[in-house]
């Protein structure tokens, strides 16, 4: 029991993480790692009740222990559940066992905070989706707590594919589908897949299996399905990744590239072959056409090019694997101007992640298309879990470039990667306002605009101004309505106005 009688999500998340650490491992002879899971139920006016996996009986899920054993006779309508691992979805447990997601819905719990999604590519996000489809409001733990949960479950996460391989055959008949692309495509056969694309996956992911075992792996991942006994055909996701010509069956597949050069020329290119090749093809094209994206000395230029292109690569991969494939009339796009590279991905962030969280580059981790995410992570083209936002932060700092910025331009989520601090400053202020700033304010604005927020001391370090000159520059930027003030006193910070 805990005396957290007031609903404080952060404290209850932290309590769930603390309880998770007390989980009892199962005694197994097959080497399978079991997850550490903590769960907490909060009810208005009552003490919070917690449980960890295996607390009362070996192997029992934390949610089951709470709902069916500790609080079996308690009314849970209106309660809030905090669980460090996504509740298992319908179809993920052998009948007649109920999944944790079904138990939550039956208990009429109306709000659930989830730490991380279940990493198994055949289960990923289906528990969350089942809850949402049944009227349960779902939130995610803060990203720093997600890192702690993943760290505590490292072995469990690494064995995700091994668990999928060990499941019974009927485990693939999951009740909850995330996308129509999980089903077979009409008139598409195994021969329509590209052997070089499949070989690239096998080589990059270090898959040393014979053809029968490799086919079984693709079946387990949801990249193939069994159309008839012994007859395997690609699913939509399988054809998207490995199809020789995916747009013949999926018109919205592919990536469209456009470069607008400073001299007015334009070059376009479509990347519509197997999508496992697309990120590398886009990068090769841009490297050949944009030899100098950063205006630095030659020696430093060579060192800084890599993090710039790493940001672009991360953005292209994210656009592909996190896009909403239900928006059939839109394709991923890469649009380059002298000032920025814009990577456009159809669809808003997957619920419950918000646009505001994406714009802060501090969003919790959740995959929209877990199968795509898993394949690209196995090929070392995406972070194992998450949205790559931490990588964007790190690479921007390495390249001395502004933090990339998200915006919603229906129907696209657009990530802009700026080619210099001055480029972002010009875009945010506009040429008319820039012309009216004092020299100190104009010199300061790129440093201010490049960050989410800045203090007077940080501006002084960036520009070499003394404190008085830095404060005058900040005042001028405020008068031009380019800044908003965050906090007060010694903790005051300044950020570009929305």
Protein backbone atom coordinates (compact mmCIF):
# COMPACT_ATOMS: atom_id res chain seq x y z
CA UNK A 1 0.00 0.00 0.00
CA UNK A 2 1.04 3.63 -0.56
CA UNK A 3 -0.45 6.81 0.91
CA UNK A 4 -0.56 8.54 -2.49
CA UNK A 5 -4.23 9.51 -2.15
CA UNK A 6 -3.91 12.40 -4.61
CA UNK A 7 -3.52 11.73 -8.32
CA UNK A 8 0.06 12.73 -9.10
CA UNK A 9 1.01 10.93 -12.34
CA UNK A 10 4.76 11.47 -11.95
CA UNK A 11 4.85 10.08 -8.42
CA UNK A 12 2.72 7.10 -9.37
CA UNK A 13 4.90 6.40 -12.41
CA UNK A 14 7.96 6.46 -10.17
CA UNK A 15 6.23 4.14 -7.68
CA UNK A 16 5.46 1.67 -10.47
CA UNK A 17 9.12 1.71 -11.54
CA UNK A 18 10.25 1.14 -7.95
CA UNK A 19 7.81 -1.77 -7.58
CA UNK A 20 9.01 -3.18 -10.92
CA UNK A 21 12.49 -3.65 -9.47
CA UNK A 22 11.02 -6.08 -6.89
CA UNK A 23 9.73 -8.49 -9.57
CA UNK A 24 10.51 -12.16 -8.93
CA UNK A 25 12.11 -14.08 -11.82
CA UNK A 26 10.55 -17.34 -12.90
CA UNK A 27 12.45 -20.58 -12.50
CA UNK A 28 12.89 -21.70 -16.10
CA UNK A 29 15.06 -24.29 -17.79
CA UNK A 30 14.79 -22.84 -21.32
CA UNK A 31 16.86 -19.69 -20.69
CA UNK A 32 13.91 -17.40 -21.36
CA UNK A 33 14.15 -14.02 -19.66
CA UNK A 34 10.93 -12.87 -18.02
CA UNK A 35 10.14 -9.19 -17.72
CA UNK A 36 10.27 -7.08 -14.62
CA UNK A 37 6.90 -5.38 -14.35
CA UNK A 38 5.40 -3.06 -11.76
CA UNK A 39 1.79 -1.91 -11.59
CA UNK A 40 -0.08 0.58 -9.40
CA UNK A 41 -3.81 1.26 -9.13
CA UNK A 42 -4.96 4.66 -7.89
CA UNK A 43 -8.54 5.32 -6.72
CA UNK A 44 -9.87 8.65 -5.48
CA UNK A 45 -9.71 8.86 -1.70
CA UNK A 46 -7.98 5.48 -1.34
CA UNK A 47 -4.42 4.42 -0.83
CA UNK A 48 -2.61 3.41 -4.00
CA UNK A 49 -2.17 -0.37 -4.32
CA UNK A 50 0.83 -1.89 -6.10
CA UNK A 51 2.02 -5.27 -7.34
CA UNK A 52 5.00 -6.66 -9.20
CA UNK A 53 5.24 -9.65 -11.50
CA UNK A 54 5.33 -12.91 -9.55
CA UNK A 55 4.63 -11.20 -6.21
CA UNK A 56 1.96 -13.63 -4.99
CA UNK A 57 2.46 -16.53 -7.39
CA UNK A 58 5.30 -17.31 -9.75
CA UNK A 59 4.69 -16.02 -13.26
CA UNK A 60 1.52 -14.05 -12.49
CA UNK A 61 1.34 -10.76 -14.36
CA UNK A 62 1.37 -7.64 -12.20
CA UNK A 63 -1.97 -6.42 -13.58
CA UNK A 64 -3.58 -9.81 -12.86
CA UNK A 65 -2.26 -9.75 -9.29
CA UNK A 66 -3.78 -6.32 -8.74
CA UNK A 67 -7.15 -6.79 -10.42
CA UNK A 68 -7.93 -10.44 -9.68
CA UNK A 69 -6.20 -11.03 -6.34
CA UNK A 70 -5.49 -7.86 -4.35
CA UNK A 71 -8.55 -5.86 -5.49
CA UNK A 72 -10.88 -8.61 -6.67
CA UNK A 73 -13.91 -7.30 -4.72
CA UNK A 74 -13.08 -3.59 -4.98
CA UNK A 75 -14.96 -1.31 -7.41
CA UNK A 76 -12.41 -0.15 -9.98
CA UNK A 77 -14.67 1.96 -12.19
CA UNK A 78 -12.87 5.29 -12.57
CA UNK A 79 -9.57 3.92 -11.24
CA UNK A 80 -6.25 4.80 -12.87
CA UNK A 81 -3.69 2.09 -13.61
CA UNK A 82 0.05 2.64 -13.99
CA UNK A 83 1.97 -0.33 -15.47
CA UNK A 84 5.58 -0.38 -16.59
CA UNK A 85 4.96 -2.79 -19.51
CA UNK A 86 2.15 -2.68 -22.06
CA UNK A 87 -0.68 -5.00 -20.97
CA UNK A 88 -0.80 -8.14 -23.09
CA UNK A 89 -3.41 -8.06 -25.85
CA UNK A 90 -6.23 -10.44 -26.81
CA UNK A 91 -4.76 -13.45 -28.57
CA UNK A 92 -1.35 -13.11 -26.92
CA UNK A 93 -2.14 -15.75 -24.26
CA UNK A 94 -3.31 -19.29 -24.80
CA UNK A 95 -7.06 -19.83 -24.36
CA UNK A 96 -8.91 -19.78 -22.04
CA UNK A 97 -6.65 -17.25 -20.32
CA UNK A 98 -7.78 -13.63 -20.57
CA UNK A 99 -5.25 -11.02 -21.57
CA UNK A 100 -4.40 -8.21 -19.15
CA UNK A 101 -5.93 -5.69 -21.56
CA UNK A 102 -9.23 -7.58 -21.45
CA UNK A 103 -9.16 -7.70 -17.65
CA UNK A 104 -8.57 -3.94 -17.52
CA UNK A 105 -11.55 -3.25 -19.78
CA UNK A 106 -13.79 -5.65 -17.84
CA UNK A 107 -12.80 -3.94 -14.57
CA UNK A 108 -13.98 -0.63 -16.12
CA UNK A 109 -10.65 1.07 -15.46
CA UNK A 110 -10.87 4.22 -17.56
CA UNK A 111 -7.30 5.50 -17.62
CA UNK A 112 -4.02 3.63 -18.07
CA UNK A 113 -0.44 4.91 -18.04
CA UNK A 114 1.92 2.56 -19.90
CA UNK A 115 5.68 2.48 -19.38
CA UNK A 116 6.89 0.82 -22.58
CA UNK A 117 5.22 -1.26 -25.26
CA UNK A 118 5.69 -5.01 -25.24
CA UNK A 119 8.70 -5.50 -27.53
CA UNK A 120 7.55 -8.68 -29.26
CA UNK A 121 6.95 -7.68 -32.91
CA UNK A 122 3.85 -9.88 -33.05
CA UNK A 123 2.31 -8.15 -30.02
CA UNK A 124 3.71 -4.60 -30.09
CA UNK A 125 1.09 -1.88 -29.44
CA UNK A 126 -1.89 -4.24 -29.70
CA UNK A 127 -2.59 -4.06 -25.97
CA UNK A 128 -2.58 -0.27 -26.16
CA UNK A 129 -4.78 -0.32 -29.25
CA UNK A 130 -7.29 -2.68 -27.61
CA UNK A 131 -7.56 -0.35 -24.60
CA UNK A 132 -8.05 2.72 -26.80
CA UNK A 133 -10.66 0.98 -28.95
CA UNK A 134 -12.60 0.15 -25.79
CA UNK A 135 -12.72 3.70 -24.48
CA UNK A 136 -9.74 3.59 -22.13
CA UNK A 137 -7.64 6.75 -22.08
CA UNK A 138 -3.96 5.81 -22.52
CA UNK A 139 -0.86 7.83 -21.64
CA UNK A 140 2.84 6.99 -21.70
CA UNK A 141 5.44 7.26 -18.95
CA UNK A 142 7.96 10.10 -19.13
CA UNK A 143 10.87 9.29 -21.41
CA UNK A 144 13.48 9.22 -18.60
CA UNK A 145 11.45 6.55 -16.78
CA UNK A 146 11.08 4.61 -20.03
CA UNK A 147 14.88 4.45 -20.21
CA UNK A 148 14.98 3.02 -16.67
CA UNK A 149 12.39 0.38 -17.54
CA UNK A 150 14.29 -0.67 -20.66
CA UNK A 151 17.56 -0.83 -18.75
CA UNK A 152 16.02 -3.13 -16.14
CA UNK A 153 14.55 -5.36 -18.88
CA UNK A 154 17.53 -5.52 -21.22
CA UNK A 155 17.63 -9.33 -21.48
CA UNK A 156 13.88 -9.56 -21.93
CA UNK A 157 13.97 -7.02 -24.75
CA UNK A 158 16.87 -8.73 -26.50
CA UNK A 159 14.94 -11.99 -26.58
CA UNK A 160 11.84 -10.55 -28.27
CA UNK A 161 12.39 -12.35 -31.55
CA UNK A 162 13.33 -15.60 -29.80
CA UNK A 163 10.02 -15.47 -27.91
CA UNK A 164 8.11 -14.96 -31.13
CA UNK A 165 9.87 -17.94 -32.72
CA UNK A 166 8.92 -20.12 -29.73
CA UNK A 167 5.20 -19.34 -29.79
CA UNK A 168 2.58 -21.79 -30.98
CA UNK A 169 1.38 -21.44 -34.56
CA UNK A 170 -1.95 -19.89 -33.58
CA UNK A 171 -0.17 -16.99 -31.86
CA UNK A 172 -0.09 -15.16 -35.18
CA UNK A 173 -3.90 -15.06 -35.27
CA UNK A 174 -4.01 -12.00 -33.05
CA UNK A 175 -7.34 -10.35 -32.48
CA UNK A 176 -5.98 -6.83 -32.68
CA UNK A 177 -4.54 -5.59 -35.97
CA UNK A 178 -2.78 -2.25 -36.18
CA UNK A 179 -2.87 -1.86 -39.95
CA UNK A 180 -4.44 -3.34 -43.05
CA UNK A 181 -0.88 -3.93 -44.27
CA UNK A 182 -0.60 -6.82 -41.83
CA UNK A 183 -2.84 -8.81 -44.20
CA UNK A 184 -1.95 -10.40 -47.54
CA UNK A 185 -2.13 -8.36 -50.74
CA UNK A 186 -4.18 -9.66 -53.63
CA UNK A 187 -2.23 -10.74 -56.73
CA UNK A 188 1.14 -10.54 -54.94
CA UNK A 189 3.34 -13.65 -54.76
CA UNK A 190 6.67 -14.60 -53.20
CA UNK A 191 8.33 -14.19 -56.59
CA UNK A 192 7.44 -10.46 -56.46
CA UNK A 193 9.92 -9.97 -53.63
CA UNK A 194 13.42 -8.75 -54.47
CA UNK A 195 16.14 -11.33 -53.70
CA UNK A 196 18.77 -8.56 -53.22
CA UNK A 197 16.46 -6.79 -50.73
CA UNK A 198 15.92 -9.98 -48.73
CA UNK A 199 19.65 -10.65 -48.81
CA UNK A 200 20.37 -7.12 -47.57
CA UNK A 201 18.12 -7.76 -44.58
CA UNK A 202 19.73 -11.13 -43.86
CA UNK A 203 23.23 -9.70 -44.09
CA UNK A 204 22.58 -6.51 -42.11
CA UNK A 205 20.70 -8.34 -39.36
CA UNK A 206 23.27 -11.18 -39.24
CA UNK A 207 20.61 -13.80 -39.89
CA UNK A 208 22.28 -17.14 -40.52
CA UNK A 209 19.34 -19.45 -41.24
CA UNK A 210 18.41 -21.88 -43.98
CA UNK A 211 15.55 -20.93 -46.29
CA UNK A 212 12.89 -22.77 -44.31
CA UNK A 213 13.90 -21.12 -41.04
CA UNK A 214 14.17 -17.70 -42.70
CA UNK A 215 10.68 -18.12 -44.19
CA UNK A 216 9.37 -19.03 -40.74
CA UNK A 217 11.01 -15.91 -39.33
CA UNK A 218 9.31 -13.70 -41.93
CA UNK A 219 6.02 -15.42 -41.13
CA UNK A 220 6.44 -14.76 -37.41
CA UNK A 221 7.27 -11.12 -38.04
CA UNK A 222 4.10 -10.66 -40.07
CA UNK A 223 5.98 -10.09 -43.33
CA UNK A 224 4.51 -13.24 -44.85
CA UNK A 225 1.22 -15.00 -44.23
CA UNK A 226 -0.05 -18.48 -45.07
CA UNK A 227 -2.69 -18.06 -47.79
CA UNK A 228 -3.20 -21.83 -47.99
CA UNK A 229 -1.49 -24.80 -46.33
CA UNK A 230 2.16 -24.57 -47.33
CA UNK A 231 1.60 -21.52 -49.57
CA UNK A 232 3.15 -18.32 -48.26
CA UNK A 233 2.53 -14.84 -49.71
CA UNK A 234 3.76 -11.38 -48.71
CA UNK A 235 1.73 -9.19 -46.39
CA UNK A 236 1.48 -5.49 -47.16
CA UNK A 237 4.41 -4.78 -44.85
CA UNK A 238 6.48 -7.55 -46.41
CA UNK A 239 5.83 -6.26 -49.92
CA UNK A 240 6.52 -2.67 -48.84
CA UNK A 241 9.92 -3.61 -47.44
CA UNK A 242 11.08 -6.20 -49.95
CA UNK A 243 8.86 -5.93 -53.03
CA UNK A 244 10.69 -5.29 -56.29
CA UNK A 245 8.04 -2.73 -57.23
CA UNK A 246 5.95 -2.00 -54.13
CA UNK A 247 3.98 0.79 -55.81
CA UNK A 248 2.34 -1.71 -58.17
CA UNK A 249 0.16 -2.81 -55.23
CA UNK A 250 0.70 0.08 -52.79
CA UNK A 251 0.44 3.33 -54.71
CA UNK A 252 1.40 5.41 -51.66
CA UNK A 253 4.68 3.54 -51.09
CA UNK A 254 8.04 5.14 -51.78
CA UNK A 255 9.80 8.40 -51.03
CA UNK A 256 9.65 11.46 -53.27
CA UNK A 257 12.78 13.63 -53.36
CA UNK A 258 13.02 17.25 -54.53
CA UNK A 259 16.03 19.59 -54.39
CA UNK A 260 15.57 23.33 -54.96
CA UNK A 261 19.01 24.76 -55.70
CA UNK A 262 19.98 28.35 -54.90
CA UNK A 263 20.33 29.18 -58.62
CA UNK A 264 16.69 28.26 -59.30
CA UNK A 265 17.34 24.76 -60.69
CA UNK A 266 15.24 21.84 -59.45
CA UNK A 267 15.98 18.15 -59.40
CA UNK A 268 13.50 15.39 -58.51
CA UNK A 269 13.86 11.69 -57.90
CA UNK A 270 11.48 8.93 -56.81
CA UNK A 271 12.72 6.16 -54.51
CA UNK A 272 10.08 3.53 -55.24
CA UNK A 273 11.97 0.24 -55.14
CA UNK A 274 12.28 -2.05 -52.09
CA UNK A 275 11.99 0.28 -49.13
CA UNK A 276 14.81 -1.37 -47.21
CA UNK A 277 17.04 0.33 -49.81
CA UNK A 278 15.35 3.75 -49.69
CA UNK A 279 17.20 5.40 -46.74
CA UNK A 280 20.62 4.58 -48.16
CA UNK A 281 19.57 5.63 -51.67
CA UNK A 282 18.27 8.97 -50.40
CA UNK A 283 21.50 9.59 -48.50
CA UNK A 284 23.69 8.75 -51.51
CA UNK A 285 21.64 11.10 -53.70
CA UNK A 286 21.85 13.99 -51.24
CA UNK A 287 25.56 13.53 -50.58
CA UNK A 288 26.24 13.73 -54.31
CA UNK A 289 24.07 16.83 -54.79
CA UNK A 290 24.78 18.71 -51.53
CA UNK A 291 28.55 18.62 -51.10
CA UNK A 292 28.63 21.58 -48.71
CA UNK A 293 25.54 21.72 -46.47
CA UNK A 294 27.47 23.39 -43.64
CA UNK A 295 29.33 26.65 -44.17
CA UNK A 296 32.53 25.90 -42.24
CA UNK A 297 36.27 25.70 -42.89
CA UNK A 298 37.25 22.69 -44.97
CA UNK A 299 38.88 20.78 -42.11
CA UNK A 300 35.89 21.22 -39.80
CA UNK A 301 33.48 20.70 -42.70
CA UNK A 302 34.64 17.12 -43.17
CA UNK A 303 34.16 16.39 -39.47
CA UNK A 304 30.70 17.96 -39.30
CA UNK A 305 29.16 16.48 -42.42
CA UNK A 306 28.57 13.09 -40.80
CA UNK A 307 26.27 14.27 -37.97
CA UNK A 308 24.32 16.43 -40.44
CA UNK A 309 23.64 13.46 -42.69
CA UNK A 310 22.99 11.25 -39.69
CA UNK A 311 20.12 13.59 -38.75
CA UNK A 312 18.74 13.39 -42.29
CA UNK A 313 19.02 9.60 -42.35
CA UNK A 314 17.28 9.32 -38.98
CA UNK A 315 14.51 11.60 -40.19
CA UNK A 316 13.97 9.62 -43.42
CA UNK A 317 13.82 6.29 -41.57
CA UNK A 318 11.43 7.72 -38.98
CA UNK A 319 9.19 9.14 -41.70
CA UNK A 320 8.97 5.75 -43.34
CA UNK A 321 8.40 3.54 -40.28
CA UNK A 322 6.16 5.90 -38.27
CA UNK A 323 3.93 7.24 -41.05
CA UNK A 324 0.20 6.58 -41.15
CA UNK A 325 -0.26 4.14 -44.03
CA UNK A 326 -4.01 4.64 -43.78
CA UNK A 327 -3.53 7.97 -45.59
CA UNK A 328 -3.36 6.44 -49.04
CA UNK A 329 -3.12 9.68 -51.01
CA UNK A 330 0.18 10.87 -49.55
CA UNK A 331 3.80 9.70 -49.80
CA UNK A 332 6.86 10.37 -47.69
CA UNK A 333 8.83 13.28 -49.14
CA UNK A 334 12.27 14.86 -48.78
CA UNK A 335 12.34 18.51 -49.87
CA UNK A 336 15.68 20.36 -49.87
CA UNK A 337 16.18 24.13 -50.09
CA UNK A 338 19.33 26.21 -49.55
CA UNK A 339 18.25 26.69 -45.91
CA UNK A 340 16.89 23.31 -44.81
CA UNK A 341 16.03 19.70 -45.47
CA UNK A 342 12.34 19.01 -44.79
CA UNK A 343 11.30 15.38 -44.27
CA UNK A 344 7.55 14.92 -44.59
CA UNK A 345 5.69 11.96 -43.11
CA UNK A 346 1.92 11.48 -43.60
CA UNK A 347 -0.10 11.51 -40.38
CA UNK A 348 -0.03 13.01 -36.90
CA UNK A 349 2.01 11.27 -34.18
CA UNK A 350 0.50 7.99 -33.04
CA UNK A 351 -1.76 8.38 -30.02
CA UNK A 352 -1.17 9.02 -27.19
CA UNK A 353 1.98 10.91 -28.30
CA UNK A 354 1.12 14.55 -29.00
CA UNK A 355 2.44 17.04 -31.52
CA UNK A 356 3.64 19.21 -28.64
CA UNK A 357 5.75 16.34 -27.29
CA UNK A 358 7.29 15.80 -30.72
CA UNK A 359 8.05 19.51 -31.04
CA UNK A 360 9.90 19.43 -27.72
CA UNK A 361 12.05 16.51 -28.99
CA UNK A 362 11.24 14.80 -25.68
CA UNK A 363 8.32 12.57 -26.67
CA UNK A 364 7.85 9.16 -25.03
CA UNK A 365 8.76 6.18 -27.16
CA UNK A 366 6.06 4.33 -29.10
CA UNK A 367 6.04 2.73 -32.56
CA UNK A 368 3.17 3.22 -35.00
CA UNK A 369 4.29 0.31 -37.22
CA UNK A 370 6.24 -2.03 -34.92
CA UNK A 371 7.05 -4.57 -37.64
CA UNK A 372 8.74 -1.92 -39.81
CA UNK A 373 10.50 -0.49 -36.78
CA UNK A 374 11.81 -3.90 -35.79
CA UNK A 375 13.20 -4.73 -39.23
CA UNK A 376 14.97 -1.37 -39.57
CA UNK A 377 16.39 -1.62 -36.06
CA UNK A 378 17.74 -5.10 -36.91
CA UNK A 379 19.45 -3.49 -39.91
CA UNK A 380 20.97 -0.79 -37.65
CA UNK A 381 18.97 1.90 -39.43
CA UNK A 382 16.75 2.87 -36.49
CA UNK A 383 16.97 3.04 -32.72
CA UNK A 384 15.94 -0.27 -31.15
CA UNK A 385 12.93 1.37 -29.58
CA UNK A 386 11.62 4.89 -29.86
CA UNK A 387 11.54 7.81 -32.26
CA UNK A 388 15.21 8.71 -32.66
CA UNK A 389 14.69 12.07 -30.97
CA UNK A 390 17.68 11.72 -28.66
CA UNK A 391 19.85 10.98 -31.71
CA UNK A 392 18.58 14.16 -33.39
CA UNK A 393 19.57 16.17 -30.32
CA UNK A 394 23.04 14.65 -30.13
CA UNK A 395 23.82 15.00 -33.82
CA UNK A 396 22.62 18.61 -33.92
CA UNK A 397 24.97 19.43 -31.03
CA UNK A 398 27.87 17.67 -32.78
CA UNK A 399 27.28 19.66 -35.97
CA UNK A 400 26.74 22.98 -34.14
CA UNK A 401 23.37 23.22 -35.87
CA UNK A 402 19.93 24.23 -34.58
CA UNK A 403 17.73 21.58 -33.07
CA UNK A 404 15.44 20.17 -35.79
CA UNK A 405 11.84 21.36 -35.59
CA UNK A 406 8.54 19.56 -36.11
CA UNK A 407 5.40 21.21 -37.44
CA UNK A 408 2.04 19.97 -38.69
CA UNK A 409 1.32 20.77 -42.32
CA UNK A 410 -1.78 18.65 -43.12
CA UNK A 411 -1.58 15.82 -43.92
CA UNK A 412 2.15 15.79 -43.11
CA UNK A 413 4.23 15.82 -39.97
CA UNK A 414 7.23 17.84 -41.20
CA UNK A 415 10.67 17.70 -39.62
CA UNK A 416 12.96 20.55 -40.69
CA UNK A 417 16.72 20.12 -40.40
CA UNK A 418 18.40 23.50 -40.81
CA UNK A 419 21.67 23.83 -42.66
CA UNK A 420 22.91 26.70 -40.48
CA UNK A 421 21.77 28.68 -37.40
CA UNK A 422 21.25 31.70 -39.66
CA UNK A 423 18.83 29.73 -41.83
CA UNK A 424 16.54 29.03 -38.88
CA UNK A 425 16.85 32.60 -37.65
CA UNK A 426 15.78 33.97 -41.06
CA UNK A 427 12.80 31.62 -41.23
CA UNK A 428 11.51 32.42 -37.75
CA UNK A 429 11.95 36.20 -37.97
CA UNK A 430 11.36 36.95 -41.62
CA UNK A 431 13.47 39.39 -43.68
CA UNK A 432 11.50 42.50 -42.65
CA UNK A 433 11.97 41.95 -38.91
CA UNK A 434 15.62 40.99 -39.31
CA UNK A 435 16.25 44.31 -41.03
CA UNK A 436 14.86 46.25 -38.05
CA UNK A 437 16.87 44.53 -35.30
CA UNK A 438 19.84 46.15 -33.61
CA UNK A 439 23.18 44.64 -34.58
CA UNK A 440 23.55 42.98 -31.16
CA UNK A 441 20.04 41.50 -31.40
CA UNK A 442 20.64 40.30 -34.98
CA UNK A 443 23.95 38.72 -33.95
CA UNK A 444 22.26 37.04 -30.96
CA UNK A 445 19.15 35.78 -32.73
CA UNK A 446 20.70 32.71 -34.45
CA UNK A 447 22.01 31.43 -31.09
CA UNK A 448 18.64 32.02 -29.40
CA UNK A 449 16.56 30.54 -32.24
CA UNK A 450 18.75 27.42 -32.46
CA UNK A 451 17.74 26.20 -29.00
CA UNK A 452 14.48 25.46 -27.28
CA UNK A 453 15.48 28.00 -24.64
CA UNK A 454 18.55 29.96 -23.54
CA UNK A 455 19.69 31.85 -20.45
CA UNK A 456 21.55 35.14 -20.35
CA UNK A 457 24.73 33.32 -19.31
CA UNK A 458 24.41 30.84 -22.17
CA UNK A 459 23.92 33.68 -24.66
CA UNK A 460 27.03 35.39 -23.29
CA UNK A 461 29.05 32.20 -23.77
CA UNK A 462 27.70 31.74 -27.30
CA UNK A 463 28.26 35.31 -28.53
CA UNK A 464 31.11 36.61 -26.38
CA UNK A 465 28.91 39.51 -25.18
CA UNK A 466 29.24 40.87 -21.68
CA UNK A 467 26.15 40.66 -19.46
CA UNK A 468 24.94 44.19 -20.21
CA UNK A 469 25.17 43.74 -23.98
CA UNK A 470 23.46 40.33 -23.81
CA UNK A 471 20.57 41.76 -21.80
CA UNK A 472 20.15 44.64 -24.27
CA UNK A 473 20.05 42.16 -27.14
CA UNK A 474 17.43 40.04 -25.39
CA UNK A 475 15.34 43.12 -24.66
CA UNK A 476 15.47 44.13 -28.34
CA UNK A 477 14.37 40.64 -29.39
CA UNK A 478 11.49 40.81 -26.92
CA UNK A 479 10.40 44.18 -28.28
CA UNK A 480 10.40 42.65 -31.78
CA UNK A 481 8.10 39.92 -30.36
CA UNK A 482 10.56 37.22 -31.27
CA UNK A 483 11.04 35.94 -27.72
CA UNK A 484 8.91 34.63 -24.91
CA UNK A 485 10.13 34.64 -21.33
CA UNK A 486 10.17 31.44 -19.27
CA UNK A 487 10.38 31.73 -15.49
CA UNK A 488 11.72 34.70 -13.54
CA UNK A 489 14.66 35.89 -11.49
CA UNK A 490 17.95 33.97 -11.80
CA UNK A 491 16.11 31.06 -13.47
CA UNK A 492 14.79 33.20 -16.34
CA UNK A 493 15.16 31.68 -19.78
CA UNK A 494 14.20 32.87 -23.26
CA UNK A 495 12.71 30.92 -26.15
CA UNK A 496 11.65 31.76 -29.69
CA UNK A 497 8.04 32.90 -29.71
CA UNK A 498 5.51 30.43 -31.10
